[in-house]
Protein backbone atom coordinates (compact mmCIF):
# COMPACT_ATOMS: atom_id res chain seq x y z
CA UNK A 1 -17.97 0.47 35.86
CA UNK A 2 -17.46 -1.85 32.93
CA UNK A 3 -13.92 -1.21 30.96
CA UNK A 4 -13.35 1.53 28.71
CA UNK A 5 -12.75 -0.73 25.82
CA UNK A 6 -14.90 -0.35 22.76
CA UNK A 7 -17.27 -3.36 22.52
CA UNK A 8 -16.36 -5.89 19.77
CA UNK A 9 -19.03 -6.33 16.87
CA UNK A 10 -20.03 -9.74 16.70
CA UNK A 11 -19.74 -9.01 12.76
CA UNK A 12 -16.22 -9.45 10.91
CA UNK A 13 -15.01 -5.85 10.75
CA UNK A 14 -12.71 -5.16 8.19
CA UNK A 15 -10.68 -1.93 7.95
CA UNK A 16 -8.95 0.28 5.05
CA UNK A 17 -7.03 3.57 5.09
CA UNK A 18 -8.02 6.24 3.26
CA UNK A 19 -6.96 6.08 -0.50
CA UNK A 20 -8.42 4.20 -2.97
CA UNK A 21 -6.38 0.85 -3.42
CA UNK A 22 -6.71 0.29 0.56
CA UNK A 23 -10.52 0.55 0.00
CA UNK A 24 -10.67 -1.89 -2.98
CA UNK A 25 -8.50 -4.68 -1.01
CA UNK A 26 -10.64 -3.82 2.14
CA UNK A 27 -14.07 -4.50 -0.10
CA UNK A 28 -12.11 -7.90 -1.53
CA UNK A 29 -11.25 -9.16 2.14
CA UNK A 30 -14.80 -8.20 3.05
CA UNK A 31 -16.65 -9.98 -0.20
CA UNK A 32 -14.60 -12.83 0.22
CA UNK A 33 -15.31 -13.37 3.83
CA UNK A 34 -19.04 -12.87 3.23
CA UNK A 35 -18.85 -15.52 0.37
CA UNK A 36 -17.37 -18.27 2.83
CA UNK A 37 -19.11 -17.36 6.12
CA UNK A 38 -22.41 -16.19 4.47
CA UNK A 39 -22.59 -13.49 7.42
CA UNK A 40 -22.34 -9.74 6.44
CA UNK A 41 -18.96 -8.25 7.28
CA UNK A 42 -18.89 -4.75 8.59
CA UNK A 43 -16.47 -2.03 6.48
CA UNK A 44 -14.62 0.70 8.09
CA UNK A 45 -13.03 2.07 5.47
CA UNK A 46 -11.15 5.36 5.05
CA UNK A 47 -9.32 5.31 8.26
CA UNK A 48 -6.59 8.16 8.34
CA UNK A 49 -3.52 6.48 7.38
CA UNK A 50 -1.06 3.40 8.55
CA UNK A 51 -1.04 4.59 12.28
CA UNK A 52 -4.50 4.75 12.48
CA UNK A 53 -5.11 1.24 10.88
CA UNK A 54 -2.51 -0.10 13.51
CA UNK A 55 -4.31 1.27 16.55
CA UNK A 56 -7.89 -0.12 15.25
CA UNK A 57 -6.41 -3.44 14.80
CA UNK A 58 -4.65 -3.36 18.14
CA UNK A 59 -7.26 -2.26 20.20
CA UNK A 60 -9.70 -4.64 18.44
CA UNK A 61 -12.00 -1.98 16.58
CA UNK A 62 -11.43 -3.91 13.49
CA UNK A 63 -10.43 -7.80 13.01
CA UNK A 64 -8.26 -7.14 10.03
CA UNK A 65 -6.78 -4.91 6.98
CA UNK A 66 -4.45 -5.17 4.32
CA UNK A 67 -0.83 -3.87 5.20
CA UNK A 68 2.34 -3.80 2.93
CA UNK A 69 5.50 -5.75 4.46
CA UNK A 70 8.01 -2.81 4.09
CA UNK A 71 5.60 -0.32 5.59
CA UNK A 72 4.99 -2.61 8.62
CA UNK A 73 8.73 -3.48 8.96
CA UNK A 74 9.81 0.54 9.07
CA UNK A 75 6.71 2.96 9.94
CA UNK A 76 5.08 0.31 12.39
CA UNK A 77 7.16 -1.97 13.75
CA UNK A 78 10.06 0.63 13.90
CA UNK A 79 12.66 -1.71 12.73
CA UNK A 80 15.87 -0.60 10.79
CA UNK A 81 16.22 -0.82 7.14
CA UNK A 82 17.70 -4.10 6.68
CA UNK A 83 21.07 -4.01 4.39
CA UNK A 84 20.34 -4.20 0.87
CA UNK A 85 21.27 -7.74 0.26
CA UNK A 86 18.99 -8.69 2.95
CA UNK A 87 15.74 -6.88 1.89
CA UNK A 88 14.21 -9.96 -0.12
CA UNK A 89 10.49 -10.34 0.20
CA UNK A 90 11.23 -13.73 2.23
CA UNK A 91 13.24 -12.15 4.87
CA UNK A 92 11.28 -8.94 5.21
CA UNK A 93 7.80 -11.32 5.41
CA UNK A 94 9.38 -13.86 7.86
CA UNK A 95 10.68 -10.87 10.47
CA UNK A 96 7.21 -9.09 10.07
CA UNK A 97 5.60 -12.06 10.94
CA UNK A 98 7.17 -12.73 13.61
CA UNK A 99 7.26 -9.65 15.48
CA UNK A 100 3.23 -9.07 14.90
CA UNK A 101 2.52 -12.54 16.13
CA UNK A 102 4.82 -12.08 19.51
CA UNK A 103 3.86 -8.43 20.29
CA UNK A 104 0.39 -8.12 19.03
CA UNK A 105 -1.32 -11.62 18.49
CA UNK A 106 -1.55 -10.93 14.64
CA UNK A 107 -1.52 -13.15 11.80
CA UNK A 108 0.25 -11.88 8.61
CA UNK A 109 -1.24 -13.70 6.27
CA UNK A 110 0.33 -15.01 2.83
CA UNK A 111 0.57 -12.39 0.21
CA UNK A 112 -2.38 -11.13 -2.27
CA UNK A 113 0.34 -11.74 -5.10
CA UNK A 114 1.70 -8.24 -5.66
CA UNK A 115 3.91 -5.52 -4.19
CA UNK A 116 2.93 -1.97 -4.19
CA UNK A 117 6.19 -0.13 -3.76
CA UNK A 118 6.84 3.59 -3.79
CA UNK A 119 7.13 4.86 -7.60
CA UNK A 120 9.61 7.87 -8.53
CA UNK A 121 7.18 9.21 -11.33
CA UNK A 122 8.14 11.54 -14.13
CA UNK A 123 6.09 12.54 -17.20
CA UNK A 124 6.38 10.18 -20.30
CA UNK A 125 7.48 13.02 -22.30
CA UNK A 126 10.65 13.91 -20.13
CA UNK A 127 11.71 9.94 -19.75
CA UNK A 128 11.69 9.75 -23.72
CA UNK A 129 13.48 13.19 -24.25
CA UNK A 130 16.08 12.89 -21.48
CA UNK A 131 16.72 8.95 -22.41
CA UNK A 132 15.88 8.17 -18.72
CA UNK A 133 15.07 4.78 -17.37
CA UNK A 134 16.55 4.82 -13.50
CA UNK A 135 16.75 6.95 -10.46
CA UNK A 136 20.88 7.24 -10.82
CA UNK A 137 20.09 8.45 -14.38
CA UNK A 138 17.83 11.20 -12.92
CA UNK A 139 20.38 12.40 -10.56
CA UNK A 140 22.20 15.34 -12.84
CA UNK A 141 18.36 16.52 -14.27
CA UNK A 142 16.47 16.55 -10.94
CA UNK A 143 18.85 19.41 -9.90
CA UNK A 144 16.61 21.57 -12.14
CA UNK A 145 13.25 19.88 -10.95
CA UNK A 146 10.80 20.37 -8.54
CA UNK A 147 9.71 17.29 -6.37
CA UNK A 148 6.17 16.18 -4.96
CA UNK A 149 5.52 13.88 -2.18
CA UNK A 150 3.03 12.99 -0.01
CA UNK A 151 3.07 13.56 3.81
CA UNK A 152 3.76 9.78 5.03
CA UNK A 153 6.73 9.84 2.40
CA UNK A 154 8.34 12.75 3.75
CA UNK A 155 8.57 11.31 7.12
CA UNK A 156 9.10 7.83 7.04
CA UNK A 157 12.20 6.13 7.46
CA UNK A 158 11.89 4.36 4.05
CA UNK A 159 11.00 7.75 2.84
CA UNK A 160 12.28 10.83 1.13
CA UNK A 161 15.37 11.63 3.45
CA UNK A 162 16.89 7.96 2.76
CA UNK A 163 16.09 8.49 -0.82
CA UNK A 164 17.82 11.44 -1.33
CA UNK A 165 20.99 10.07 0.51
CA UNK A 166 21.46 7.14 -1.13
CA UNK A 167 20.95 8.45 -4.63
CA UNK A 168 22.49 11.89 -3.84
CA UNK A 169 19.13 13.51 -5.18
CA UNK A 170 18.75 17.16 -5.07
CA UNK A 171 16.27 19.27 -6.68
CA UNK A 172 15.95 22.95 -7.62
CA UNK A 173 13.85 23.51 -4.31
CA UNK A 174 12.67 21.83 -1.20
CA UNK A 175 10.34 19.02 -2.36
CA UNK A 176 6.36 20.26 -2.08
CA UNK A 177 4.32 18.25 0.37
CA UNK A 178 0.65 17.65 -0.93
CA UNK A 179 -2.26 15.19 -0.41
CA UNK A 180 -1.78 11.86 -2.40
CA UNK A 181 -4.75 12.79 -4.67
CA UNK A 182 -2.81 16.07 -5.56
CA UNK A 183 0.35 14.65 -6.72
CA UNK A 184 -0.68 13.49 -9.91
CA UNK A 185 -2.43 16.54 -10.99
CA UNK A 186 0.59 18.46 -10.27
CA UNK A 187 3.11 16.16 -12.59
CA UNK A 188 0.41 16.41 -15.22
CA UNK A 189 0.28 20.47 -14.80
CA UNK A 190 3.93 20.70 -14.78
CA UNK A 191 3.84 22.31 -11.10
CA UNK A 192 6.49 19.56 -10.20
CA UNK A 193 8.61 17.16 -12.13
CA UNK A 194 9.00 14.16 -10.52
CA UNK A 195 6.53 12.52 -7.57
CA UNK A 196 6.57 9.88 -5.16
CA UNK A 197 3.43 7.72 -5.95
CA UNK A 198 2.85 4.08 -5.88
CA UNK A 199 3.65 1.46 -8.34
CA UNK A 200 -0.19 0.39 -8.75
CA UNK A 201 -1.67 3.65 -8.79
CA UNK A 202 -4.24 3.84 -11.75
CA UNK A 203 -3.14 7.58 -12.79
CA UNK A 204 0.46 6.09 -13.97
CA UNK A 205 -1.04 4.07 -16.73
CA UNK A 206 -4.14 6.45 -17.64
CA UNK A 207 -1.81 9.90 -17.57
CA UNK A 208 1.29 8.09 -19.45
CA UNK A 209 3.62 8.67 -16.62
CA UNK A 210 7.06 6.93 -16.76
CA UNK A 211 8.63 5.10 -13.28
CA UNK A 212 12.22 5.33 -12.79
CA UNK A 213 13.91 1.97 -12.16
CA UNK A 214 14.90 1.66 -8.20
CA UNK A 215 18.66 0.74 -9.37
CA UNK A 216 20.30 0.95 -6.00
CA UNK A 217 17.36 -1.30 -4.38
CA UNK A 218 16.79 1.35 -1.75
CA UNK A 219 13.08 0.59 -0.99
CA UNK A 220 12.45 -2.70 0.74
CA UNK A 221 9.54 -5.02 -0.49
CA UNK A 222 6.11 -3.70 0.08
CA UNK A 223 4.29 -7.13 -0.54
CA UNK A 224 0.21 -6.55 0.02
CA UNK A 225 -0.47 -8.76 3.15
CA UNK A 226 -3.81 -9.29 5.21
CA UNK A 227 -3.11 -8.87 8.80
CA UNK A 228 -5.84 -10.54 10.90
CA UNK A 229 -6.13 -10.61 14.96
CA UNK A 230 -5.50 -14.45 15.76
CA UNK A 231 -8.48 -14.02 18.44
CA UNK A 232 -10.76 -13.07 15.60
CA UNK A 233 -9.56 -16.11 13.43
CA UNK A 234 -10.73 -18.62 16.48
CA UNK A 235 -14.34 -16.97 16.64
CA UNK A 236 -14.46 -16.66 13.13
CA UNK A 237 -12.58 -19.43 11.06
CA UNK A 238 -14.16 -18.80 7.78
CA UNK A 239 -11.79 -15.54 7.76
CA UNK A 240 -8.83 -18.04 7.29
CA UNK A 241 -10.42 -19.91 4.41
CA UNK A 242 -11.36 -16.67 2.54
CA UNK A 243 -7.69 -15.62 3.15
CA UNK A 244 -6.31 -18.63 1.87
CA UNK A 245 -8.47 -18.28 -1.15
CA UNK A 246 -7.26 -14.86 -1.90
CA UNK A 247 -3.12 -15.74 -1.57
CA UNK A 248 -1.28 -15.08 -4.54
CA UNK A 249 -4.56 -14.05 -6.83
CA UNK A 250 -3.88 -10.30 -7.26
CA UNK A 251 -1.50 -9.53 -10.13
CA UNK A 252 -0.02 -5.62 -9.71
CA UNK A 253 -1.62 -5.22 -13.51
CA UNK A 254 -4.82 -6.29 -11.87
CA UNK A 255 -4.70 -3.81 -9.13
CA UNK A 256 -3.52 -0.95 -11.18
CA UNK A 257 -6.74 -1.66 -13.46
CA UNK A 258 -9.21 -1.96 -10.51
CA UNK A 259 -7.54 1.43 -8.77
CA UNK A 260 -8.05 3.09 -12.29
CA UNK A 261 -11.52 1.79 -12.75
CA UNK A 262 -12.44 3.32 -9.12
CA UNK A 263 -10.23 6.43 -9.36
CA UNK A 264 -10.53 7.37 -13.65
CA UNK A 265 -13.68 5.84 -14.18
CA UNK A 266 -15.29 6.77 -10.93
CA UNK A 267 -16.90 3.24 -10.62
CA UNK A 268 -18.61 1.68 -7.56
CA UNK A 269 -15.64 -0.23 -5.47
CA UNK A 270 -18.20 -3.10 -4.71
CA UNK A 271 -18.97 -3.77 -8.35
CA UNK A 272 -15.00 -3.43 -9.54
CA UNK A 273 -14.28 -6.14 -6.98
CA UNK A 274 -16.96 -8.36 -7.74
CA UNK A 275 -16.10 -8.37 -11.42
CA UNK A 276 -12.62 -9.01 -10.33
CA UNK A 277 -13.54 -12.32 -8.11
CA UNK A 278 -16.03 -13.59 -10.92
CA UNK A 279 -13.29 -13.31 -13.32
CA UNK A 280 -10.80 -15.14 -10.97
CA UNK A 281 -13.56 -17.72 -10.32
CA UNK A 282 -14.19 -16.75 -6.64
């Protein structure tokens, strides 16, 4: 009887988690690899969350996907949050890069050019009416607010519990947990008054929400970095060429626009990425 490991595809296989930005980034990696190698890339998108993507990568079911350095550090590698003064992009990237290489044989590529950090978002009219710009300034009003969070943010070591402790945040009732796709609708419909979104989410701009500044620097950097198996790079050296071409190319504003094009305008993700690549001369 042969081993139970799933057969490795002869094609490059790129994965993505189950939200819009991840699918856009997965498509971006896939299209760039196809452009470099001239070979079709298999897409395994909408994998259910961080843990499933990590298992697929380590188990060889995918060759790569895009992760965020802060998520990798805390949720995957289970490292403690570094002291505030040691949470710079370079320090976190260096730490994540070494552990992935030593433990998993995975290369952490150079960043795509943007961070997607957690964003404490409130309605724009509330921010203007109360003169709020920072999370610290919102501590008082928050005592009468309802909070909405995603399932992952509620349980992560860099999530809700630490945020509440760092800022002394207390809400009118226990935070409501819901699917990420429902958070902004709940905020717009005044079912909640603050949500833990992501800084590059399309609805923030489209619906006129305001992101409060993390003035105590609670969150670590969440730089978007492709994770690629080292053995895949040996078999398919064109992957590295493609990753080098994408490094530093994506701004936070471009990411937000692409997310909104797919989410808000219901455009095809392949078309959105192709237009972005053409505009970038790729």
